[in-house]
Amino acid sequence: LWVSVGGLMIPIDRCRVVLVQPHFNQNVGSVARLMCNFGLTDLVLVAPFANHLSDDAKRLSTHGEEILQRARVV
């Protein structure tokens, strides 16, 4: 699977999702669900206020818990 970024075609497994200072656990969980639906696996959280391992985040991730578990916090 490929995605177009600025006119360049990039394999989807080379893409990463970066959230900068996410505030709400539920939003991080929802992003993990979206990532799972589209085959993305690399989630990076920059200076998060949200707890990506909270029950709220896990509940909203719907099959994306593995993405939350492997998320990098920087």
Protein backbone atom coordinates (compact mmCIF):
# COMPACT_ATOMS: atom_id res chain seq x y z
CA LEU A 1 0.00 0.00 0.00
CA TRP A 2 1.32 3.43 -0.97
CA VAL A 3 0.44 6.98 0.04
CA SER A 4 1.10 10.22 -1.81
CA VAL A 5 2.97 12.85 0.24
CA GLY A 6 3.76 16.09 -1.56
CA GLY A 7 3.53 14.32 -4.90
CA LEU A 8 5.88 11.52 -3.83
CA MET A 9 4.64 7.96 -3.45
CA ILE A 10 5.76 6.44 -0.14
CA PRO A 11 5.04 2.93 1.20
CA ILE A 12 2.52 3.23 4.04
CA ASP A 13 4.72 1.18 6.36
CA ARG A 14 7.30 4.01 6.18
CA CYS A 15 4.82 6.60 7.49
CA ARG A 16 4.50 7.63 11.11
CA VAL A 17 1.88 9.61 12.97
CA VAL A 18 3.20 12.31 15.32
CA LEU A 19 0.94 13.97 17.89
CA VAL A 20 2.40 17.08 19.53
CA GLN A 21 1.20 17.74 23.09
CA PRO A 22 -2.04 15.78 22.88
CA HIS A 23 -4.30 16.76 25.78
CA PHE A 24 -7.03 14.13 25.82
CA ASN A 25 -6.63 10.38 26.38
CA GLN A 26 -9.67 9.68 24.22
CA ASN A 27 -8.20 11.50 21.22
CA VAL A 28 -5.00 9.45 21.38
CA GLY A 29 -7.09 6.27 21.51
CA SER A 30 -9.13 7.42 18.53
CA VAL A 31 -5.97 8.10 16.54
CA ALA A 32 -4.71 4.59 17.36
CA ARG A 33 -8.01 3.16 16.05
CA LEU A 34 -7.70 5.19 12.85
CA MET A 35 -4.09 4.07 12.42
CA CYS A 36 -5.09 0.43 12.85
CA ASN A 37 -7.85 0.82 10.25
CA PHE A 38 -5.36 2.18 7.69
CA GLY A 39 -2.47 -0.17 8.47
CA LEU A 40 -0.24 2.40 10.18
CA THR A 41 1.73 1.24 13.22
CA ASP A 42 4.26 3.94 14.20
CA LEU A 43 2.82 6.43 16.72
CA VAL A 44 4.99 9.12 18.34
CA LEU A 45 3.73 11.36 21.14
CA VAL A 46 5.68 14.58 21.69
CA ALA A 47 5.42 16.03 25.23
CA PRO A 48 1.96 14.55 25.80
CA PHE A 49 -0.42 15.73 28.50
CA ALA A 50 -2.61 12.71 27.74
CA ASN A 51 -1.92 9.23 29.11
CA HIS A 52 -1.89 6.94 26.08
CA LEU A 53 -2.12 3.85 28.33
CA SER A 54 -5.22 5.02 30.20
CA ASP A 55 -8.44 3.01 30.18
CA ASP A 56 -10.13 5.78 28.14
CA ALA A 57 -7.46 5.64 25.43
CA LYS A 58 -7.57 1.84 25.30
CA ARG A 59 -11.37 1.77 25.17
CA LEU A 60 -11.49 4.14 22.19
CA SER A 61 -8.62 2.48 20.35
CA THR A 62 -10.81 -0.52 19.32
CA HIS A 63 -8.18 -3.05 18.15
CA GLY A 64 -5.44 -0.40 18.27
CA GLU A 65 -4.18 -1.24 21.77
CA GLU A 66 -0.95 -2.65 20.36
CA ILE A 67 -0.26 0.70 18.72
CA LEU A 68 -0.76 2.42 22.09
CA GLN A 69 1.54 -0.07 23.79
CA ARG A 70 4.31 0.52 21.25
CA ALA A 71 3.88 4.31 21.03
CA ARG A 72 7.08 6.28 21.60
CA VAL A 73 6.97 9.23 23.96
CA VAL A 74 9.54 11.94 23.28
